[in-house]
N, C-alpha and C. Protein backbone atom coordinates (compact mmCIF):
# COMPACT_ATOMS: atom_id res chain seq x y z
N MET A 1 147.79 51.79 89.74
CA MET A 1 147.26 50.24 89.51
C MET A 1 145.90 50.24 89.66
N LYS A 2 145.32 49.51 88.69
CA LYS A 2 144.10 49.28 88.99
C LYS A 2 143.57 47.85 89.21
N ILE A 3 142.99 47.55 90.53
CA ILE A 3 142.82 46.41 90.74
C ILE A 3 141.45 46.07 91.26
N PRO A 4 141.10 44.73 90.30
CA PRO A 4 139.75 44.63 90.63
C PRO A 4 139.38 43.88 91.84
N LEU A 5 138.30 44.11 92.67
CA LEU A 5 138.20 43.92 93.98
C LEU A 5 138.12 42.56 94.28
N ARG A 6 137.54 41.78 93.27
CA ARG A 6 137.69 40.32 93.14
C ARG A 6 139.07 39.82 93.53
N GLU A 7 140.15 40.51 92.92
CA GLU A 7 141.46 39.93 92.99
C GLU A 7 141.99 40.49 94.48
N LEU A 8 141.60 41.12 95.22
CA LEU A 8 142.21 41.62 96.53
C LEU A 8 142.79 40.59 97.27
N GLU A 9 141.98 39.36 97.58
CA GLU A 9 142.67 38.40 98.29
C GLU A 9 143.77 37.79 97.76
N GLN A 10 143.90 37.75 96.38
CA GLN A 10 144.96 37.30 95.75
C GLN A 10 146.24 38.21 96.12
N VAL A 11 146.17 39.46 96.12
CA VAL A 11 147.05 40.41 96.46
C VAL A 11 147.52 40.24 98.31
N ARG A 12 146.30 40.15 99.04
CA ARG A 12 146.45 39.79 100.29
C ARG A 12 147.21 38.67 100.46
N LYS A 13 147.16 37.42 99.87
CA LYS A 13 147.76 36.14 100.24
C LYS A 13 149.24 36.15 99.78
N ASP A 14 149.68 36.80 98.65
CA ASP A 14 150.82 36.84 98.33
C ASP A 14 151.09 38.01 97.29
N PRO A 15 151.48 39.20 97.79
CA PRO A 15 151.43 40.38 96.94
C PRO A 15 152.62 40.34 95.68
N ARG A 16 153.57 39.42 95.98
CA ARG A 16 154.79 39.41 95.19
C ARG A 16 154.36 38.48 93.99
N ALA A 17 153.70 37.61 94.14
CA ALA A 17 153.27 36.60 93.37
C ALA A 17 152.01 37.38 92.38
N TYR A 18 151.31 38.19 93.01
CA TYR A 18 150.22 39.00 92.40
C TYR A 18 150.98 39.81 91.26
N LEU A 19 152.18 40.64 91.61
CA LEU A 19 152.83 41.66 90.81
C LEU A 19 153.57 40.69 89.51
N ARG A 20 153.90 39.80 90.07
CA ARG A 20 154.60 38.84 88.84
C ARG A 20 153.48 38.51 87.92
N LYS A 21 152.34 38.02 88.29
CA LYS A 21 151.12 37.70 87.54
C LYS A 21 150.72 38.93 86.65
N ARG A 22 150.89 40.07 87.18
CA ARG A 22 150.43 41.39 86.26
C ARG A 22 151.52 41.68 85.22
N GLU A 23 152.78 41.31 85.53
CA GLU A 23 153.54 41.49 84.50
C GLU A 23 153.81 40.69 83.41
N ARG A 24 153.24 39.60 83.38
CA ARG A 24 153.03 38.45 82.32
C ARG A 24 151.72 38.92 81.61
N PRO A 25 152.09 38.77 80.23
CA PRO A 25 150.96 39.29 79.17
C PRO A 25 149.79 38.32 79.38
N SER A 26 148.85 38.82 79.48
CA SER A 26 147.44 38.11 79.72
C SER A 26 146.68 37.54 78.27
N GLY A 27 146.23 36.44 78.23
CA GLY A 27 145.91 36.00 77.24
C GLY A 27 144.40 37.01 76.93
N ASN A 28 143.73 36.63 75.84
CA ASN A 28 142.54 37.12 75.64
C ASN A 28 141.16 36.30 76.10
N GLU A 29 141.27 36.40 77.40
CA GLU A 29 140.35 35.27 77.94
C GLU A 29 138.65 36.04 77.65
N PHE A 30 137.97 34.96 77.47
CA PHE A 30 136.91 35.25 76.88
C PHE A 30 135.50 34.72 77.73
N PHE A 31 134.81 35.46 78.47
CA PHE A 31 133.98 35.03 79.54
C PHE A 31 132.64 35.26 79.03
N GLY A 32 132.30 35.72 77.91
CA GLY A 32 130.91 35.99 77.36
C GLY A 32 130.09 34.98 77.47
N LYS A 33 130.53 33.36 77.20
CA LYS A 33 129.68 32.56 77.07
C LYS A 33 129.69 31.57 78.44
N SER A 34 129.91 32.01 79.36
CA SER A 34 130.04 31.43 80.72
C SER A 34 128.47 31.38 81.09
N LYS A 35 128.07 30.17 81.26
CA LYS A 35 126.79 29.82 81.83
C LYS A 35 126.35 30.22 82.93
N TYR A 36 127.32 30.54 84.23
CA TYR A 36 126.99 31.28 84.83
C TYR A 36 126.76 32.86 85.12
N LEU A 37 127.77 33.41 84.30
CA LEU A 37 127.54 34.93 83.57
C LEU A 37 126.09 35.08 83.06
N THR A 38 125.87 34.04 82.38
CA THR A 38 124.43 34.18 81.49
C THR A 38 123.34 34.04 82.76
N LEU A 39 123.41 33.07 83.57
CA LEU A 39 122.65 33.38 84.72
C LEU A 39 122.25 34.45 85.54
N GLN A 40 123.41 34.90 85.63
CA GLN A 40 123.39 36.55 86.48
C GLN A 40 122.89 37.54 85.61
N ARG A 41 123.09 37.40 84.32
CA ARG A 41 122.44 38.30 83.22
C ARG A 41 120.94 38.18 83.25
N ALA A 42 120.52 36.96 83.33
CA ALA A 42 118.86 36.83 83.51
C ALA A 42 118.31 37.24 84.70
N ALA A 43 119.00 37.17 85.78
CA ALA A 43 118.60 37.64 87.19
C ALA A 43 118.65 39.02 87.27
N PHE A 44 119.56 39.82 86.37
CA PHE A 44 119.37 41.57 86.13
C PHE A 44 118.19 41.79 85.23
N HIS A 45 117.93 40.96 84.35
CA HIS A 45 117.02 41.05 83.44
C HIS A 45 115.79 40.98 84.31
N TYR A 46 115.46 40.29 85.46
CA TYR A 46 114.50 39.73 85.90
C TYR A 46 114.00 41.25 86.95
N HIS A 47 115.12 42.00 87.28
CA HIS A 47 114.90 43.18 87.77
C HIS A 47 114.78 44.33 87.10
N GLU A 48 115.40 44.22 85.95
CA GLU A 48 115.31 45.47 85.02
C GLU A 48 113.71 45.31 84.43
N GLU A 49 113.05 44.16 84.23
CA GLU A 49 111.88 43.95 83.72
C GLU A 49 110.84 44.17 85.17
N ARG A 50 111.25 44.60 86.14
CA ARG A 50 110.42 45.01 87.28
C ARG A 50 109.85 43.65 87.80
N GLY A 51 110.63 42.53 87.94
CA GLY A 51 110.36 41.38 88.66
C GLY A 51 109.40 40.39 87.65
N ASP A 52 109.69 40.67 86.37
CA ASP A 52 108.56 39.89 85.43
C ASP A 52 109.72 38.42 85.02
N LEU A 53 109.18 37.38 85.97
CA LEU A 53 109.96 36.33 85.88
C LEU A 53 110.06 35.25 84.67
N GLU A 54 108.75 35.53 83.72
CA GLU A 54 108.58 34.60 82.76
C GLU A 54 109.52 35.62 81.49
N SER A 55 109.59 36.76 81.74
CA SER A 55 110.41 37.33 80.73
C SER A 55 112.11 37.00 80.85
N ALA A 56 112.16 37.02 82.12
CA ALA A 56 113.75 36.49 82.60
C ALA A 56 113.81 35.12 82.00
N ARG A 57 112.85 34.32 82.29
CA ARG A 57 113.26 32.67 81.87
C ARG A 57 113.47 32.66 80.34
N LYS A 58 112.84 33.63 79.64
CA LYS A 58 112.55 33.66 78.09
C LYS A 58 114.43 34.08 77.74
N TYR A 59 114.65 35.05 78.46
CA TYR A 59 115.71 35.51 78.15
C TYR A 59 116.89 34.64 78.51
N LEU A 60 116.79 33.76 79.22
CA LEU A 60 117.70 32.58 79.70
C LEU A 60 117.65 31.53 78.67
N ARG A 61 116.64 31.26 78.01
CA ARG A 61 116.31 30.07 77.09
C ARG A 61 117.09 30.66 75.88
N ASP A 62 116.67 31.91 75.60
CA ASP A 62 117.15 32.59 74.21
C ASP A 62 118.36 32.38 74.24
N ALA A 63 119.13 33.27 75.44
CA ALA A 63 120.69 32.80 75.48
C ALA A 63 121.44 31.60 75.60
N TYR A 64 120.71 30.53 76.09
CA TYR A 64 121.14 29.25 75.75
C TYR A 64 120.96 29.03 74.32
N THR A 65 119.97 29.03 73.57
CA THR A 65 120.10 28.83 72.23
C THR A 65 120.99 29.37 71.30
N ARG A 66 121.25 30.64 71.60
CA ARG A 66 122.30 31.49 70.87
C ARG A 66 123.75 30.90 71.16
N GLN A 67 124.05 30.55 72.70
CA GLN A 67 125.26 30.59 72.89
C GLN A 67 125.85 29.08 73.19
N PHE A 68 124.96 28.14 73.42
CA PHE A 68 125.49 26.82 74.01
C PHE A 68 124.91 25.83 72.98
N LYS A 69 125.59 24.56 72.43
CA LYS A 69 125.18 23.78 71.82
C LYS A 69 124.43 22.68 72.61
N ASP A 70 125.20 22.42 74.05
CA ASP A 70 124.81 21.59 74.99
C ASP A 70 123.69 22.29 76.02
N GLN A 71 122.46 21.76 75.53
CA GLN A 71 121.40 22.53 76.38
C GLN A 71 121.10 21.66 77.78
N ARG A 72 121.72 20.79 78.07
CA ARG A 72 121.37 19.86 78.97
C ARG A 72 121.19 20.84 80.46
N SER A 73 122.27 21.59 80.52
CA SER A 73 122.13 22.10 81.80
C SER A 73 120.87 23.55 81.65
N LEU A 74 120.21 23.53 80.87
CA LEU A 74 119.31 24.86 80.89
C LEU A 74 118.24 24.58 81.94
N GLN A 75 117.68 23.48 82.19
CA GLN A 75 116.46 23.16 83.35
C GLN A 75 117.40 23.79 84.65
N ALA A 76 118.34 23.08 84.66
CA ALA A 76 119.35 23.67 85.84
C ALA A 76 119.36 24.95 86.26
N GLY A 77 119.44 25.89 85.31
CA GLY A 77 119.65 27.28 85.25
C GLY A 77 118.48 27.92 85.37
N LEU A 78 117.28 27.21 84.83
CA LEU A 78 115.87 28.09 85.20
C LEU A 78 115.36 27.66 86.30
N ASP A 79 115.94 26.59 86.91
CA ASP A 79 115.57 26.45 88.40
C ASP A 79 115.94 27.35 89.31
N LYS A 80 117.72 27.67 89.06
CA LYS A 80 118.22 28.21 89.79
C LYS A 80 117.63 30.05 89.63
N LEU A 81 117.12 30.27 88.30
CA LEU A 81 116.74 31.70 88.31
C LEU A 81 115.08 31.45 89.21
N ASP A 82 114.30 30.60 89.08
CA ASP A 82 113.21 30.63 89.87
C ASP A 82 113.36 30.82 91.04
N ASN A 83 114.74 30.06 91.93
CA ASN A 83 115.00 30.05 93.26
C ASN A 83 115.55 31.38 93.56
N TYR A 84 116.23 32.00 92.77
CA TYR A 84 116.83 33.57 92.89
C TYR A 84 115.43 34.41 93.03
N ALA A 85 114.55 34.27 92.27
CA ALA A 85 113.42 35.31 92.31
C ALA A 85 112.58 34.95 93.64
N ALA A 86 112.18 34.01 93.99
CA ALA A 86 111.57 33.17 94.89
C ALA A 86 112.30 34.04 96.17
N ALA A 87 113.79 33.87 96.45
CA ALA A 87 114.49 34.29 97.38
C ALA A 87 114.44 35.80 97.50
N PHE A 88 114.58 36.45 96.52
CA PHE A 88 114.22 37.78 96.21
C PHE A 88 112.93 38.19 96.72
N GLU A 89 111.98 37.75 96.58
CA GLU A 89 110.64 38.01 97.08
C GLU A 89 110.71 37.79 98.62
N ARG A 90 111.31 36.94 98.97
CA ARG A 90 111.18 36.53 100.72
C ARG A 90 111.89 37.46 101.41
N LEU A 91 112.70 38.13 100.55
CA LEU A 91 113.67 39.28 101.20
C LEU A 91 113.04 40.32 101.64
N GLY A 92 112.02 40.74 100.61
CA GLY A 92 111.17 41.90 100.88
C GLY A 92 111.90 43.09 100.90
N ASN A 93 112.89 43.20 100.05
CA ASN A 93 113.54 44.40 99.69
C ASN A 93 113.20 45.20 98.14
N SER A 94 113.38 46.34 98.02
CA SER A 94 113.29 46.92 96.87
C SER A 94 114.50 47.18 96.02
N VAL A 95 114.96 46.80 94.68
CA VAL A 95 116.01 46.97 94.05
C VAL A 95 116.38 48.52 93.89
N PHE A 96 117.59 49.08 94.21
CA PHE A 96 117.58 50.28 93.89
C PHE A 96 118.59 50.37 92.63
N LYS A 97 119.46 49.53 92.57
CA LYS A 97 120.51 49.37 91.44
C LYS A 97 120.72 48.12 91.10
N VAL A 98 121.23 47.86 89.64
CA VAL A 98 121.77 46.53 89.47
C VAL A 98 123.17 47.16 88.49
N ARG A 99 124.21 46.05 88.65
CA ARG A 99 125.30 46.20 87.91
C ARG A 99 126.01 47.63 88.29
N ASP A 100 125.88 48.08 89.51
CA ASP A 100 126.50 49.34 89.67
C ASP A 100 128.08 49.29 89.91
N ARG A 101 128.75 50.34 89.12
CA ARG A 101 130.10 50.46 89.04
C ARG A 101 130.61 51.36 90.10
N LEU A 102 131.35 50.59 91.02
CA LEU A 102 132.05 51.06 92.28
C LEU A 102 133.53 51.21 92.26
N THR A 103 134.01 52.33 92.71
CA THR A 103 135.37 52.63 92.89
C THR A 103 135.62 52.83 94.41
N LEU A 104 136.45 52.20 95.13
CA LEU A 104 136.39 52.36 96.64
C LEU A 104 137.05 53.63 96.76
N SER A 105 136.39 54.27 98.08
CA SER A 105 136.98 55.33 98.68
C SER A 105 138.31 55.02 99.33
N LEU A 106 139.50 55.44 99.03
CA LEU A 106 140.65 55.02 99.74
C LEU A 106 141.36 56.20 100.33
N PRO A 107 142.22 56.25 101.24
CA PRO A 107 143.05 57.37 101.72
C PRO A 107 143.81 57.83 100.59
N GLU A 108 143.94 59.18 100.84
CA GLU A 108 144.83 59.87 99.80
C GLU A 108 146.26 59.43 99.82
N ALA A 109 146.85 58.93 100.76
CA ALA A 109 148.22 58.50 100.52
C ALA A 109 148.23 57.22 99.70
N ILE A 110 147.32 56.39 99.61
CA ILE A 110 147.51 55.14 98.62
C ILE A 110 146.59 55.44 97.31
N SER A 111 145.67 56.38 97.29
CA SER A 111 144.76 56.64 96.06
C SER A 111 145.50 57.19 95.05
N ARG A 112 146.82 57.30 95.36
CA ARG A 112 147.71 57.88 94.18
C ARG A 112 148.34 56.58 93.69
N GLU A 113 148.42 55.62 94.39
CA GLU A 113 149.10 54.39 93.72
C GLU A 113 148.22 53.27 93.23
N ILE A 114 146.90 53.16 93.83
CA ILE A 114 146.04 52.35 93.23
C ILE A 114 144.74 52.92 93.22
N SER A 115 143.85 52.15 92.46
CA SER A 115 142.24 52.02 92.80
C SER A 115 141.91 50.61 92.56
N LEU A 116 140.76 50.60 93.43
CA LEU A 116 140.20 49.27 93.43
C LEU A 116 138.61 49.66 93.14
N THR A 117 138.44 48.65 91.96
CA THR A 117 137.11 48.84 91.23
C THR A 117 136.30 47.45 91.21
N ALA A 118 134.92 47.46 90.98
CA ALA A 118 134.15 46.51 90.82
C ALA A 118 132.82 46.69 90.13
N GLN A 119 132.37 45.85 89.98
CA GLN A 119 130.74 46.03 89.39
C GLN A 119 129.99 45.13 90.42
N ILE A 120 129.28 45.90 91.16
CA ILE A 120 128.34 45.30 92.49
C ILE A 120 126.88 44.79 91.58
N PRO A 121 126.87 43.55 91.86
CA PRO A 121 125.52 43.06 91.15
C PRO A 121 124.32 43.79 91.89
N ARG A 122 124.03 43.98 92.97
CA ARG A 122 122.71 44.38 93.28
C ARG A 122 122.88 45.19 94.59
N LEU A 123 122.12 46.35 94.68
CA LEU A 123 122.02 47.37 95.67
C LEU A 123 120.51 47.62 96.05
N ASP A 124 120.20 46.90 97.11
CA ASP A 124 118.65 47.40 97.55
C ASP A 124 118.45 48.24 98.54
N LEU A 125 117.35 48.80 98.37
CA LEU A 125 116.67 49.63 99.70
C LEU A 125 116.05 48.58 100.46
N THR A 126 116.38 48.88 101.94
CA THR A 126 115.83 48.06 103.03
C THR A 126 115.04 48.50 103.81
N THR A 127 114.39 48.20 104.96
CA THR A 127 113.63 48.91 105.88
C THR A 127 114.71 49.87 106.91
N LYS A 128 115.89 49.30 106.83
CA LYS A 128 116.92 50.03 107.71
C LYS A 128 117.96 50.81 107.09
N GLY A 129 118.05 50.87 105.71
CA GLY A 129 118.95 51.47 104.81
C GLY A 129 119.28 50.84 103.42
N TYR A 130 120.27 50.43 103.40
CA TYR A 130 120.59 49.71 102.16
C TYR A 130 121.43 48.25 102.34
N ALA A 131 121.15 47.44 101.21
CA ALA A 131 122.24 46.19 101.28
C ALA A 131 122.82 46.10 100.09
N VAL A 132 124.06 45.85 100.18
CA VAL A 132 124.94 45.68 99.11
C VAL A 132 124.98 44.06 98.78
N TRP A 133 124.60 43.50 97.58
CA TRP A 133 124.76 42.14 97.46
C TRP A 133 125.92 41.79 96.26
N LEU A 134 126.88 40.68 96.70
CA LEU A 134 127.89 40.18 95.74
C LEU A 134 126.82 38.88 95.17
N PHE A 135 127.44 38.31 94.22
CA PHE A 135 126.89 36.97 93.73
C PHE A 135 128.06 36.19 94.08
N SER A 136 127.60 34.80 94.20
CA SER A 136 128.37 33.53 94.44
C SER A 136 127.81 32.38 93.57
N LYS A 137 128.90 31.67 92.83
CA LYS A 137 128.35 30.53 92.30
C LYS A 137 128.00 29.59 92.97
N GLU A 138 128.68 29.31 94.15
CA GLU A 138 128.55 28.28 95.14
C GLU A 138 128.90 28.67 96.52
N PRO A 139 128.53 28.02 97.49
CA PRO A 139 128.58 28.60 98.95
C PRO A 139 129.96 29.06 99.14
N THR A 140 130.24 30.22 99.93
CA THR A 140 131.55 30.78 100.32
C THR A 140 131.19 31.57 101.52
N ASP A 141 132.59 31.55 102.18
CA ASP A 141 132.37 32.50 103.42
C ASP A 141 133.34 33.67 103.15
N LEU A 142 132.73 34.83 103.05
CA LEU A 142 133.12 35.95 102.39
C LEU A 142 133.24 37.07 103.68
N ARG A 143 133.15 36.39 105.15
CA ARG A 143 132.78 37.36 106.18
C ARG A 143 134.47 38.04 106.36
N SER A 144 135.34 37.14 106.19
CA SER A 144 136.74 37.61 106.40
C SER A 144 137.30 38.39 105.35
N GLU A 145 136.96 38.34 104.15
CA GLU A 145 137.67 38.89 103.08
C GLU A 145 137.67 40.72 103.28
N LEU A 146 138.75 41.14 102.90
CA LEU A 146 139.15 42.30 103.32
C LEU A 146 138.39 43.43 102.63
N ARG A 147 137.85 43.11 101.23
CA ARG A 147 136.87 43.92 100.67
C ARG A 147 135.58 44.41 101.12
N LEU A 148 135.09 43.38 102.25
CA LEU A 148 133.62 43.54 102.45
C LEU A 148 133.66 44.84 103.23
N PRO A 149 134.42 45.26 104.28
CA PRO A 149 133.99 46.39 105.32
C PRO A 149 134.51 47.40 104.48
N LEU A 150 135.45 47.41 103.35
CA LEU A 150 135.67 48.74 102.33
C LEU A 150 134.79 49.01 101.45
N ILE A 151 133.90 48.09 101.23
CA ILE A 151 132.60 48.13 100.22
C ILE A 151 131.87 49.07 101.09
N GLN A 152 131.46 48.37 102.40
CA GLN A 152 130.49 48.94 103.29
C GLN A 152 130.79 50.37 103.59
N GLU A 153 131.90 50.87 103.72
CA GLU A 153 132.46 52.23 103.97
C GLU A 153 131.85 53.01 102.95
N THR A 154 132.54 52.31 101.73
CA THR A 154 132.24 53.44 100.44
C THR A 154 131.03 53.62 100.14
N TYR A 155 130.20 52.65 100.16
CA TYR A 155 128.75 52.99 100.01
C TYR A 155 128.00 54.12 101.09
N SER A 156 128.48 53.72 102.31
CA SER A 156 128.14 54.61 103.36
C SER A 156 128.19 56.20 103.00
N LYS A 157 129.44 56.30 102.39
CA LYS A 157 130.01 57.76 102.06
C LYS A 157 129.27 58.07 100.83
N LYS A 158 128.94 56.89 99.67
CA LYS A 158 128.57 57.34 98.36
C LYS A 158 126.97 57.71 98.55
N LEU A 159 126.19 56.89 99.63
CA LEU A 159 124.79 57.32 99.72
C LEU A 159 124.59 58.16 100.92
N SER A 160 125.62 58.86 101.32
CA SER A 160 125.38 59.54 102.65
C SER A 160 124.45 58.96 103.47
N ALA A 161 124.82 57.77 103.87
CA ALA A 161 124.12 57.13 104.77
C ALA A 161 125.00 56.60 106.00
N ALA A 162 124.59 56.67 107.35
CA ALA A 162 125.29 55.87 108.16
C ALA A 162 125.90 54.48 108.30
N LEU A 163 127.18 54.24 108.45
CA LEU A 163 127.43 53.00 108.37
C LEU A 163 126.79 51.97 108.86
N ASN A 164 126.07 51.87 109.79
CA ASN A 164 125.06 51.10 110.27
C ASN A 164 124.06 50.81 109.52
N GLU A 165 123.78 51.64 108.56
CA GLU A 165 122.66 51.75 107.64
C GLU A 165 123.03 50.81 106.43
N VAL A 166 124.06 50.44 106.31
CA VAL A 166 124.61 49.68 105.24
C VAL A 166 124.84 48.38 105.27
N THR A 167 124.26 47.32 104.86
CA THR A 167 125.14 45.96 104.98
C THR A 167 125.69 45.50 103.69
N VAL A 168 126.38 44.68 103.83
CA VAL A 168 127.08 44.13 102.60
C VAL A 168 127.07 42.60 102.67
N GLY A 169 126.80 41.74 101.67
CA GLY A 169 126.58 40.26 101.75
C GLY A 169 126.79 39.61 100.40
N VAL A 170 126.32 38.44 100.52
CA VAL A 170 126.60 37.36 99.06
C VAL A 170 125.29 36.67 99.07
N TYR A 171 124.71 36.49 97.79
CA TYR A 171 123.82 35.73 97.43
C TYR A 171 124.30 34.42 96.68
N ASP A 172 124.04 33.44 97.26
CA ASP A 172 124.40 31.99 96.71
C ASP A 172 123.65 31.20 95.61
N PHE A 173 123.95 31.39 94.59
CA PHE A 173 123.00 30.66 93.44
C PHE A 173 122.79 28.97 93.63
N ALA A 174 123.57 28.61 94.31
CA ALA A 174 123.82 27.04 94.58
C ALA A 174 122.90 26.75 95.41
N THR A 175 122.71 27.41 96.50
CA THR A 175 121.81 26.98 97.72
C THR A 175 120.41 27.97 97.90
N ALA A 176 120.46 29.18 96.88
CA ALA A 176 119.49 30.13 96.98
C ALA A 176 119.46 31.00 98.28
N ASN A 177 120.61 31.24 99.18
CA ASN A 177 120.72 31.79 100.37
C ASN A 177 121.12 33.12 100.38
N TYR A 178 121.04 33.95 101.15
CA TYR A 178 121.48 35.38 101.34
C TYR A 178 122.41 35.23 102.72
N GLU A 179 123.66 35.82 102.61
CA GLU A 179 123.99 35.91 103.89
C GLU A 179 124.72 37.45 103.86
N GLY A 180 124.22 38.26 104.88
CA GLY A 180 124.45 39.75 105.17
C GLY A 180 125.56 39.89 106.38
N TYR A 181 126.16 40.72 105.95
CA TYR A 181 127.00 41.32 107.29
C TYR A 181 126.98 42.79 107.55
N SER A 182 127.48 43.23 108.83
CA SER A 182 127.39 44.68 109.08
C SER A 182 128.93 45.04 110.06
N PHE A 183 129.62 45.71 109.42
CA PHE A 183 130.87 45.81 110.05
C PHE A 183 131.03 47.06 111.15
N THR A 184 131.49 47.06 111.81
CA THR A 184 131.50 48.29 112.67
C THR A 184 132.70 49.60 112.25
N GLN A 185 133.05 50.53 112.92
CA GLN A 185 133.69 51.48 112.13
C GLN A 185 135.29 51.01 112.87
N ARG A 186 135.26 50.51 113.98
CA ARG A 186 136.36 49.62 114.22
C ARG A 186 137.08 48.58 113.29
N GLU A 187 136.13 47.86 112.81
CA GLU A 187 136.54 46.96 111.79
C GLU A 187 136.88 47.63 110.43
N VAL A 188 136.11 48.65 110.16
CA VAL A 188 136.50 49.32 108.53
C VAL A 188 137.82 49.97 109.15
N ASN A 189 138.23 50.49 110.06
CA ASN A 189 139.70 51.11 110.16
C ASN A 189 140.50 50.22 110.38
N ARG A 190 140.26 48.84 110.60
CA ARG A 190 141.30 47.92 110.90
C ARG A 190 141.69 47.32 109.45
N ALA A 191 140.38 47.12 108.62
CA ALA A 191 140.55 46.82 107.00
C ALA A 191 141.28 47.87 106.40
N THR A 192 141.01 49.36 106.66
CA THR A 192 141.76 50.30 105.75
C THR A 192 143.44 50.30 106.25
N ALA A 193 143.61 50.18 107.64
CA ALA A 193 144.91 50.20 107.93
C ALA A 193 145.72 48.88 107.38
N GLU A 194 145.14 47.76 107.33
CA GLU A 194 145.64 46.63 106.53
C GLU A 194 146.03 46.89 105.08
N LEU A 195 145.07 47.53 104.33
CA LEU A 195 145.21 47.96 103.02
C LEU A 195 146.20 49.01 102.47
N VAL A 196 146.41 49.62 103.65
CA VAL A 196 147.51 50.68 103.67
C VAL A 196 148.76 50.06 103.88
N GLN A 197 148.94 49.04 104.49
CA GLN A 197 150.06 48.31 104.66
C GLN A 197 150.55 47.33 103.54
N LEU A 198 149.31 46.80 103.07
CA LEU A 198 149.54 45.86 101.74
C LEU A 198 149.95 46.81 100.70
N VAL A 199 149.34 47.96 100.38
CA VAL A 199 149.75 48.84 99.19
C VAL A 199 151.44 49.33 99.64
N ASP A 200 151.78 49.72 100.89
CA ASP A 200 153.06 49.69 101.09
C ASP A 200 153.88 48.66 100.56
N ARG A 201 153.53 47.65 100.98
CA ARG A 201 154.26 46.31 100.70
C ARG A 201 154.34 46.08 99.15
N LEU A 202 153.42 46.38 98.23
CA LEU A 202 153.26 46.41 97.02
C LEU A 202 154.40 47.42 96.29
N VAL A 203 154.42 48.41 96.92
CA VAL A 203 155.30 49.64 96.38
C VAL A 203 156.74 49.29 96.76
N SER A 204 156.88 48.52 97.86
CA SER A 204 158.34 48.27 98.13
C SER A 204 158.77 47.12 96.96
N ILE A 205 158.07 46.10 96.87
CA ILE A 205 158.44 44.96 96.07
C ILE A 205 158.55 45.33 94.66
N ALA A 206 157.77 46.38 94.11
CA ALA A 206 157.86 46.98 92.90
C ALA A 206 159.05 47.60 92.33
N ARG A 207 159.68 48.32 93.40
CA ARG A 207 160.95 48.96 93.21
C ARG A 207 161.80 48.22 92.31
N PRO A 208 162.47 49.03 91.35
CA PRO A 208 162.47 50.25 90.98
C PRO A 208 161.13 51.02 90.12
N LYS A 209 160.48 49.94 89.84
CA LYS A 209 159.11 50.50 89.01
C LYS A 209 158.28 51.12 89.99
N THR A 210 156.99 51.81 89.40
CA THR A 210 156.19 52.05 90.20
C THR A 210 154.80 51.62 90.07
N LEU A 211 153.86 51.32 90.75
CA LEU A 211 152.75 50.67 90.50
C LEU A 211 151.93 50.84 89.25
N ARG A 212 152.06 52.13 88.81
CA ARG A 212 151.50 52.59 87.61
C ARG A 212 151.85 51.81 86.47
N GLU A 213 152.99 51.03 86.57
CA GLU A 213 153.88 50.41 85.34
C GLU A 213 153.12 49.07 85.40
N PHE A 214 152.31 48.57 86.18
CA PHE A 214 152.03 47.20 86.08
C PHE A 214 150.50 47.24 85.82
């Protein structure tokens, strides 16, 4: 079973309900015209154009013209893009990658049952190592989410860096603030143990089916 990392808290909250949701046919949801996703794409464009804010602003204006009849929120989007660029400059990091595809490193016992994947918005180089950034539309506290220490450990292995050389956090577009976290090996081990128990629970609920059938 392939589980998007953003859905891991749903599994954690109610694994039985999550499996029922996976069994139901999903509609053809279309996210391409989301204004929030369009703003994120403009932010990616800003980095792909090596910090050219005017190019990113043009990208956002053109995207609005193509996709949205109602242009009233364009100025708010441009302001959020400006704030994003200013916050990035204040951070003082260098961008290493944007839109990085990540598959979590999992213990062999459960990697046969599930894979956990995500598109990570941004990975930075810092003076101390690397910073992994998720994006949020509005203020949110991700500190307690199971995925964060697992993401930190996976990038530690992927980048051949010490665990304490990798941080993971969130940028909030509503407040233009960054919040970064650093998890200890003990916290990572605890998260991994909880994930193993969670997968065992999913396997038990799914019987006689296997998770691959969901």
